[in-house]
Amino acid sequence: MIDVVYTMLSDVAVVRGIAMPYSVEGFTIQGIDGVYNVYINVLLTEKRQRSAIRHELNHIDQDHFNKHMSIEEKEACAQA
């Protein structure tokens, strides 16, 4: 079962808060409709959740879902 704590919807992304292991801050999945589903760990502090949201949105803004780059390269770019 997934705990949905908050949902933010835009034309591009839906951000949801769910409980995950502490080692996972967040992840993003692109749906078949083209909308990005961003999942953020609600067990983190609010500051870390905001940071994780920015990080995941950076992946979207930088089109990492359609670029052939290594995960390491994508993560380094999203941190900037």
Foldseek 3Di string as FASTA:
>chain_A
DWDWDDWDDDPAEIETETADPPVDQWDWDQDPVRHIYIYGHPVDDPVSNVVSVQLRVQLVVVVVVPDPDDPVVSNVSSND
